[in-house]
Amino acid sequence: MIRRSFVQFMLAAVVCVAGAPAALAADPARHGVVVQVSDGDSKTWNQALNVIRNIQAEYGKDKVDVELVVFGNGSGLLKFDSPLANRIDDTLASGAKVSMCENTMKGQKLSAADMHPKIGYVKAGVIEIIERNKQGWTVVRP
């Protein structure tokens, strides 16, 4: 009796595991990519925006979700007077999501008035990245 229950349990486990990849890949044609910017180097900022553009060009804007998450020393990228403000406009217009970390803003004594007017906000940038990763998104840090 115990042996039969064990065999049934193992068979059920194999069926569940075999079916898991199909369930996880509900829309295999759609990709999710989160791009992290957390340093103050404008060359890195440009590179991150180039990466977003290249990802969308390669996969097609309608087949990829892209989110730029900025925190820490990267905050200058999303300030209203950023030298790359026009590139942020282009990135948003392309359909990518652009998010600023509110924890960083608090620590740097920044308000929404200091930031690009069209961006979004997340409570904690690093947590946003971790959660996206758990959802199967690819994390890129140029």
N, C-alpha and C. Protein backbone atom coordinates (compact mmCIF):
# COMPACT_ATOMS: atom_id res chain seq x y z
N MET A 1 0.82 -1.19 0.00
CA MET A 1 0.00 0.00 0.00
C MET A 1 0.87 1.26 0.00
N ILE A 2 1.90 1.25 0.85
CA ILE A 2 2.79 2.42 0.91
C ILE A 2 3.54 2.56 -0.41
N ARG A 3 3.99 1.44 -0.97
CA ARG A 3 4.73 1.47 -2.23
C ARG A 3 3.83 2.03 -3.34
N ARG A 4 2.59 1.62 -3.39
CA ARG A 4 1.66 2.10 -4.43
C ARG A 4 1.43 3.60 -4.28
N SER A 5 1.25 4.10 -3.07
CA SER A 5 1.06 5.54 -2.83
C SER A 5 2.30 6.32 -3.25
N PHE A 6 3.47 5.76 -2.95
CA PHE A 6 4.72 6.42 -3.32
C PHE A 6 4.85 6.52 -4.84
N VAL A 7 4.54 5.43 -5.54
CA VAL A 7 4.61 5.42 -7.00
C VAL A 7 3.62 6.43 -7.58
N GLN A 8 2.41 6.49 -7.03
CA GLN A 8 1.42 7.46 -7.51
C GLN A 8 1.90 8.88 -7.27
N PHE A 9 2.50 9.13 -6.10
CA PHE A 9 3.02 10.45 -5.77
C PHE A 9 4.12 10.84 -6.77
N MET A 10 5.05 9.93 -7.02
CA MET A 10 6.16 10.22 -7.94
C MET A 10 5.64 10.47 -9.35
N LEU A 11 4.67 9.69 -9.79
CA LEU A 11 4.09 9.88 -11.12
C LEU A 11 3.43 11.25 -11.22
N ALA A 12 2.70 11.64 -10.20
CA ALA A 12 2.06 12.96 -10.17
C ALA A 12 3.11 14.07 -10.19
N ALA A 13 4.19 13.86 -9.45
CA ALA A 13 5.26 14.86 -9.41
C ALA A 13 5.91 15.03 -10.78
N VAL A 14 6.14 13.93 -11.48
CA VAL A 14 6.74 13.98 -12.81
C VAL A 14 5.82 14.72 -13.77
N VAL A 15 4.53 14.44 -13.70
CA VAL A 15 3.57 15.12 -14.57
C VAL A 15 3.56 16.62 -14.28
N CYS A 16 3.59 17.01 -13.01
CA CYS A 16 3.60 18.43 -12.64
C CYS A 16 4.86 19.12 -13.15
N VAL A 17 5.99 18.50 -12.96
CA VAL A 17 7.25 19.11 -13.39
C VAL A 17 7.31 19.20 -14.91
N ALA A 18 6.85 18.18 -15.59
CA ALA A 18 6.86 18.19 -17.06
C ALA A 18 5.96 19.28 -17.60
N GLY A 19 4.86 19.57 -16.92
CA GLY A 19 3.94 20.60 -17.37
C GLY A 19 4.35 22.00 -16.96
N ALA A 20 5.27 22.14 -16.03
CA ALA A 20 5.66 23.45 -15.51
C ALA A 20 6.22 24.39 -16.56
N PRO A 21 7.15 23.95 -17.44
CA PRO A 21 7.68 24.88 -18.43
C PRO A 21 6.60 25.47 -19.32
N ALA A 22 5.61 24.67 -19.70
CA ALA A 22 4.54 25.18 -20.54
C ALA A 22 3.73 26.24 -19.79
N ALA A 23 3.51 26.02 -18.52
CA ALA A 23 2.74 27.00 -17.74
C ALA A 23 3.54 28.28 -17.54
N LEU A 24 4.84 28.16 -17.34
CA LEU A 24 5.67 29.35 -17.12
C LEU A 24 5.81 30.18 -18.39
N ALA A 25 5.77 29.53 -19.53
CA ALA A 25 5.94 30.23 -20.80
C ALA A 25 4.58 30.45 -21.45
N ALA A 26 3.68 31.12 -20.75
CA ALA A 26 2.34 31.35 -21.27
C ALA A 26 2.37 32.09 -22.60
N ASP A 27 3.28 33.04 -22.75
CA ASP A 27 3.44 33.76 -24.00
C ASP A 27 4.93 33.77 -24.35
N PRO A 28 5.40 32.66 -24.93
CA PRO A 28 6.83 32.53 -25.20
C PRO A 28 7.35 33.56 -26.20
N ALA A 29 6.47 34.18 -26.97
CA ALA A 29 6.90 35.17 -27.95
C ALA A 29 7.17 36.53 -27.30
N ARG A 30 6.74 36.72 -26.07
CA ARG A 30 6.89 38.01 -25.40
C ARG A 30 8.03 37.92 -24.39
N HIS A 31 8.91 38.90 -24.41
CA HIS A 31 10.04 38.95 -23.51
C HIS A 31 9.85 40.09 -22.52
N GLY A 32 10.46 39.98 -21.36
CA GLY A 32 10.50 41.05 -20.37
C GLY A 32 11.95 41.33 -20.01
N VAL A 33 12.35 42.58 -20.11
CA VAL A 33 13.72 42.97 -19.81
C VAL A 33 13.69 44.19 -18.92
N VAL A 34 14.39 44.11 -17.80
CA VAL A 34 14.53 45.26 -16.92
C VAL A 34 15.99 45.72 -17.00
N VAL A 35 16.18 47.01 -17.26
CA VAL A 35 17.51 47.59 -17.41
C VAL A 35 17.78 48.44 -16.17
N GLN A 36 18.87 48.14 -15.51
CA GLN A 36 19.25 48.82 -14.26
C GLN A 36 20.26 49.93 -14.54
N VAL A 37 20.00 51.11 -13.97
CA VAL A 37 20.99 52.19 -13.95
C VAL A 37 21.12 52.64 -12.51
N SER A 38 22.34 52.47 -11.97
CA SER A 38 22.56 52.84 -10.57
C SER A 38 23.91 53.52 -10.37
N ASP A 39 24.49 54.02 -11.46
CA ASP A 39 25.73 54.77 -11.29
C ASP A 39 25.61 56.13 -11.97
N GLY A 40 26.50 57.02 -11.62
CA GLY A 40 26.41 58.41 -12.05
C GLY A 40 27.14 58.74 -13.33
N ASP A 41 27.54 57.76 -14.10
CA ASP A 41 28.31 57.97 -15.32
C ASP A 41 27.38 58.17 -16.51
N SER A 42 27.45 59.32 -17.15
CA SER A 42 26.56 59.60 -18.28
C SER A 42 26.83 58.66 -19.47
N LYS A 43 28.03 58.10 -19.57
CA LYS A 43 28.29 57.11 -20.62
C LYS A 43 27.45 55.85 -20.38
N THR A 44 27.33 55.46 -19.12
CA THR A 44 26.49 54.31 -18.78
C THR A 44 25.03 54.62 -19.07
N TRP A 45 24.60 55.84 -18.77
CA TRP A 45 23.22 56.24 -19.03
C TRP A 45 22.91 56.10 -20.53
N ASN A 46 23.80 56.63 -21.36
CA ASN A 46 23.61 56.54 -22.81
C ASN A 46 23.59 55.08 -23.26
N GLN A 47 24.48 54.30 -22.70
CA GLN A 47 24.54 52.89 -23.06
C GLN A 47 23.24 52.18 -22.70
N ALA A 48 22.70 52.46 -21.52
CA ALA A 48 21.44 51.84 -21.09
C ALA A 48 20.30 52.20 -22.05
N LEU A 49 20.23 53.45 -22.46
CA LEU A 49 19.19 53.87 -23.40
C LEU A 49 19.40 53.24 -24.77
N ASN A 50 20.66 53.07 -25.18
CA ASN A 50 20.95 52.36 -26.43
C ASN A 50 20.52 50.90 -26.35
N VAL A 51 20.78 50.28 -25.20
CA VAL A 51 20.39 48.88 -25.00
C VAL A 51 18.87 48.73 -25.15
N ILE A 52 18.13 49.63 -24.55
CA ILE A 52 16.66 49.58 -24.66
C ILE A 52 16.23 49.69 -26.11
N ARG A 53 16.80 50.64 -26.82
CA ARG A 53 16.46 50.82 -28.24
C ARG A 53 16.80 49.55 -29.04
N ASN A 54 17.98 48.98 -28.77
CA ASN A 54 18.41 47.78 -29.50
C ASN A 54 17.54 46.57 -29.19
N ILE A 55 17.14 46.42 -27.94
CA ILE A 55 16.25 45.31 -27.56
C ILE A 55 14.92 45.42 -28.30
N GLN A 56 14.37 46.62 -28.32
CA GLN A 56 13.09 46.82 -29.00
C GLN A 56 13.22 46.61 -30.51
N ALA A 57 14.35 47.01 -31.07
CA ALA A 57 14.56 46.81 -32.51
C ALA A 57 14.70 45.33 -32.84
N GLU A 58 15.40 44.59 -32.00
CA GLU A 58 15.64 43.17 -32.26
C GLU A 58 14.37 42.33 -32.10
N TYR A 59 13.66 42.51 -30.99
CA TYR A 59 12.49 41.69 -30.70
C TYR A 59 11.21 42.25 -31.30
N GLY A 60 11.18 43.55 -31.53
CA GLY A 60 9.96 44.22 -31.94
C GLY A 60 9.27 44.80 -30.72
N LYS A 61 8.91 46.08 -30.78
CA LYS A 61 8.31 46.76 -29.63
C LYS A 61 7.06 46.05 -29.11
N ASP A 62 6.35 45.39 -30.00
CA ASP A 62 5.11 44.71 -29.60
C ASP A 62 5.36 43.33 -28.99
N LYS A 63 6.63 42.88 -28.95
CA LYS A 63 6.94 41.56 -28.41
C LYS A 63 7.87 41.60 -27.22
N VAL A 64 8.11 42.79 -26.69
CA VAL A 64 9.01 42.90 -25.54
C VAL A 64 8.51 44.00 -24.61
N ASP A 65 8.54 43.69 -23.32
CA ASP A 65 8.28 44.70 -22.30
C ASP A 65 9.62 45.11 -21.74
N VAL A 66 9.89 46.40 -21.72
CA VAL A 66 11.16 46.90 -21.21
C VAL A 66 10.89 47.93 -20.14
N GLU A 67 11.61 47.80 -19.03
CA GLU A 67 11.51 48.79 -17.96
C GLU A 67 12.92 49.23 -17.57
N LEU A 68 13.13 50.52 -17.58
CA LEU A 68 14.37 51.12 -17.08
C LEU A 68 14.13 51.47 -15.62
N VAL A 69 14.94 50.91 -14.73
CA VAL A 69 14.81 51.18 -13.30
C VAL A 69 16.08 51.92 -12.85
N VAL A 70 15.88 53.09 -12.30
CA VAL A 70 16.98 53.95 -11.89
C VAL A 70 16.96 54.13 -10.39
N PHE A 71 18.14 53.97 -9.77
CA PHE A 71 18.26 54.22 -8.33
C PHE A 71 19.69 54.61 -8.01
N GLY A 72 19.90 55.02 -6.76
CA GLY A 72 21.24 55.37 -6.30
C GLY A 72 21.84 56.52 -7.09
N ASN A 73 23.11 56.35 -7.43
CA ASN A 73 23.84 57.40 -8.13
C ASN A 73 23.35 57.67 -9.54
N GLY A 74 22.47 56.83 -10.06
CA GLY A 74 21.92 57.03 -11.40
C GLY A 74 20.82 58.07 -11.46
N SER A 75 20.43 58.63 -10.33
CA SER A 75 19.28 59.54 -10.28
C SER A 75 19.40 60.72 -11.24
N GLY A 76 20.61 61.17 -11.51
CA GLY A 76 20.80 62.31 -12.42
C GLY A 76 20.24 62.07 -13.81
N LEU A 77 20.17 60.81 -14.23
CA LEU A 77 19.61 60.49 -15.54
C LEU A 77 18.18 60.95 -15.66
N LEU A 78 17.42 60.86 -14.56
CA LEU A 78 15.99 61.16 -14.62
C LEU A 78 15.61 62.52 -14.04
N LYS A 79 16.59 63.35 -13.74
CA LYS A 79 16.25 64.70 -13.28
C LYS A 79 15.74 65.53 -14.45
N PHE A 80 14.91 66.51 -14.13
CA PHE A 80 14.28 67.32 -15.18
C PHE A 80 15.31 68.03 -16.05
N ASP A 81 16.48 68.34 -15.48
CA ASP A 81 17.51 69.05 -16.24
C ASP A 81 18.62 68.12 -16.74
N SER A 82 18.34 66.84 -16.81
CA SER A 82 19.32 65.87 -17.29
C SER A 82 19.74 66.20 -18.72
N PRO A 83 21.02 66.03 -19.03
CA PRO A 83 21.45 66.25 -20.41
C PRO A 83 20.85 65.22 -21.37
N LEU A 84 20.25 64.17 -20.83
CA LEU A 84 19.63 63.14 -21.66
C LEU A 84 18.11 63.16 -21.59
N ALA A 85 17.53 64.27 -21.15
CA ALA A 85 16.07 64.37 -21.01
C ALA A 85 15.35 64.05 -22.31
N ASN A 86 15.89 64.51 -23.44
CA ASN A 86 15.24 64.22 -24.73
C ASN A 86 15.28 62.72 -25.04
N ARG A 87 16.33 62.03 -24.62
CA ARG A 87 16.41 60.57 -24.84
C ARG A 87 15.43 59.84 -23.93
N ILE A 88 15.16 60.39 -22.75
CA ILE A 88 14.14 59.80 -21.88
C ILE A 88 12.78 59.94 -22.55
N ASP A 89 12.51 61.11 -23.14
CA ASP A 89 11.26 61.29 -23.89
C ASP A 89 11.13 60.24 -24.99
N ASP A 90 12.21 60.03 -25.74
CA ASP A 90 12.20 59.05 -26.83
C ASP A 90 11.97 57.63 -26.30
N THR A 91 12.60 57.32 -25.17
CA THR A 91 12.46 55.99 -24.57
C THR A 91 11.02 55.75 -24.13
N LEU A 92 10.43 56.75 -23.50
CA LEU A 92 9.03 56.63 -23.09
C LEU A 92 8.11 56.51 -24.31
N ALA A 93 8.39 57.30 -25.34
CA ALA A 93 7.57 57.26 -26.55
C ALA A 93 7.67 55.90 -27.25
N SER A 94 8.77 55.20 -27.04
CA SER A 94 8.95 53.88 -27.66
C SER A 94 8.13 52.79 -26.97
N GLY A 95 7.55 53.13 -25.83
CA GLY A 95 6.74 52.16 -25.09
C GLY A 95 7.42 51.57 -23.88
N ALA A 96 8.69 51.91 -23.66
CA ALA A 96 9.38 51.41 -22.48
C ALA A 96 8.88 52.16 -21.24
N LYS A 97 8.89 51.47 -20.13
CA LYS A 97 8.53 52.06 -18.85
C LYS A 97 9.82 52.61 -18.22
N VAL A 98 9.74 53.77 -17.62
CA VAL A 98 10.90 54.38 -16.95
C VAL A 98 10.51 54.66 -15.51
N SER A 99 11.25 54.05 -14.58
CA SER A 99 10.88 54.13 -13.16
C SER A 99 12.04 54.64 -12.31
N MET A 100 11.72 55.55 -11.41
CA MET A 100 12.69 56.09 -10.47
C MET A 100 12.38 55.56 -9.07
N CYS A 101 13.43 55.26 -8.33
CA CYS A 101 13.32 54.74 -6.97
C CYS A 101 12.98 55.86 -5.98
N GLU A 102 11.87 55.71 -5.29
CA GLU A 102 11.47 56.70 -4.29
C GLU A 102 12.39 56.69 -3.06
N ASN A 103 12.96 55.52 -2.73
CA ASN A 103 13.92 55.48 -1.61
C ASN A 103 15.13 56.35 -1.91
N THR A 104 15.62 56.28 -3.13
CA THR A 104 16.74 57.13 -3.54
C THR A 104 16.35 58.59 -3.46
N MET A 105 15.18 58.91 -3.96
CA MET A 105 14.72 60.30 -3.94
C MET A 105 14.67 60.83 -2.51
N LYS A 106 14.14 60.02 -1.63
CA LYS A 106 14.06 60.41 -0.22
C LYS A 106 15.47 60.64 0.35
N GLY A 107 16.38 59.71 0.08
CA GLY A 107 17.74 59.82 0.58
C GLY A 107 18.50 61.01 0.01
N GLN A 108 18.18 61.38 -1.23
CA GLN A 108 18.85 62.50 -1.88
C GLN A 108 18.04 63.79 -1.78
N LYS A 109 16.97 63.74 -1.02
CA LYS A 109 16.09 64.90 -0.82
C LYS A 109 15.59 65.48 -2.15
N LEU A 110 15.12 64.57 -3.01
CA LEU A 110 14.56 64.95 -4.30
C LEU A 110 13.05 64.81 -4.24
N SER A 111 12.36 65.62 -5.00
CA SER A 111 10.90 65.51 -5.10
C SER A 111 10.53 65.29 -6.57
N ALA A 112 9.28 65.02 -6.81
CA ALA A 112 8.81 64.82 -8.19
C ALA A 112 9.09 66.06 -9.04
N ALA A 113 9.08 67.23 -8.43
CA ALA A 113 9.37 68.47 -9.16
C ALA A 113 10.81 68.50 -9.67
N ASP A 114 11.70 67.73 -9.05
CA ASP A 114 13.10 67.67 -9.49
C ASP A 114 13.30 66.71 -10.66
N MET A 115 12.30 65.90 -10.92
CA MET A 115 12.46 64.79 -11.85
C MET A 115 11.78 65.06 -13.20
N HIS A 116 12.15 64.26 -14.18
CA HIS A 116 11.52 64.32 -15.50
C HIS A 116 10.01 64.16 -15.30
N PRO A 117 9.21 65.00 -15.92
CA PRO A 117 7.77 65.00 -15.63
C PRO A 117 6.99 63.77 -16.10
N LYS A 118 7.55 62.94 -16.97
CA LYS A 118 6.79 61.84 -17.54
C LYS A 118 7.14 60.46 -16.99
N ILE A 119 8.09 60.40 -16.06
CA ILE A 119 8.52 59.09 -15.56
C ILE A 119 7.56 58.56 -14.50
N GLY A 120 7.73 57.28 -14.20
CA GLY A 120 6.98 56.64 -13.13
C GLY A 120 7.89 56.43 -11.93
N TYR A 121 7.30 55.93 -10.86
CA TYR A 121 8.05 55.74 -9.61
C TYR A 121 7.78 54.36 -9.04
N VAL A 122 8.80 53.83 -8.38
CA VAL A 122 8.67 52.59 -7.63
C VAL A 122 9.21 52.87 -6.24
N LYS A 123 8.67 52.18 -5.26
CA LYS A 123 9.09 52.41 -3.88
C LYS A 123 10.58 52.15 -3.69
N ALA A 124 11.05 51.03 -4.22
CA ALA A 124 12.47 50.65 -4.09
C ALA A 124 12.94 50.05 -5.40
N GLY A 125 13.91 50.68 -6.04
CA GLY A 125 14.39 50.23 -7.33
C GLY A 125 14.92 48.81 -7.30
N VAL A 126 15.71 48.49 -6.30
CA VAL A 126 16.29 47.15 -6.24
C VAL A 126 15.21 46.09 -6.04
N ILE A 127 14.17 46.41 -5.30
CA ILE A 127 13.06 45.47 -5.11
C ILE A 127 12.30 45.30 -6.42
N GLU A 128 12.11 46.37 -7.17
CA GLU A 128 11.45 46.27 -8.48
C GLU A 128 12.23 45.30 -9.38
N ILE A 129 13.54 45.41 -9.37
CA ILE A 129 14.38 44.54 -10.20
C ILE A 129 14.26 43.09 -9.73
N ILE A 130 14.32 42.88 -8.43
CA ILE A 130 14.20 41.53 -7.88
C ILE A 130 12.85 40.92 -8.26
N GLU A 131 11.79 41.68 -8.13
CA GLU A 131 10.45 41.17 -8.45
C GLU A 131 10.32 40.86 -9.93
N ARG A 132 10.84 41.71 -10.78
CA ARG A 132 10.80 41.43 -12.23
C ARG A 132 11.58 40.16 -12.54
N ASN A 133 12.73 40.01 -11.89
CA ASN A 133 13.53 38.80 -12.09
C ASN A 133 12.74 37.56 -11.68
N LYS A 134 12.04 37.63 -10.56
CA LYS A 134 11.22 36.50 -10.10
C LYS A 134 10.10 36.20 -11.10
N GLN A 135 9.66 37.20 -11.83
CA GLN A 135 8.61 37.02 -12.83
C GLN A 135 9.16 36.48 -14.16
N GLY A 136 10.47 36.26 -14.20
CA GLY A 136 11.09 35.71 -15.40
C GLY A 136 11.72 36.72 -16.33
N TRP A 137 11.72 38.00 -15.93
CA TRP A 137 12.34 39.03 -16.75
C TRP A 137 13.86 38.88 -16.71
N THR A 138 14.49 39.26 -17.79
CA THR A 138 15.94 39.30 -17.87
C THR A 138 16.40 40.64 -17.30
N VAL A 139 17.43 40.60 -16.47
CA VAL A 139 17.98 41.81 -15.87
C VAL A 139 19.27 42.16 -16.61
N VAL A 140 19.35 43.41 -17.08
CA VAL A 140 20.53 43.88 -17.80
C VAL A 140 21.07 45.11 -17.07
N ARG A 141 22.38 45.09 -16.84
CA ARG A 141 23.03 46.24 -16.20
C ARG A 141 24.20 46.66 -17.08
N PRO A 142 23.96 47.63 -17.95
CA PRO A 142 25.04 48.07 -18.86
C PRO A 142 26.22 48.67 -18.10
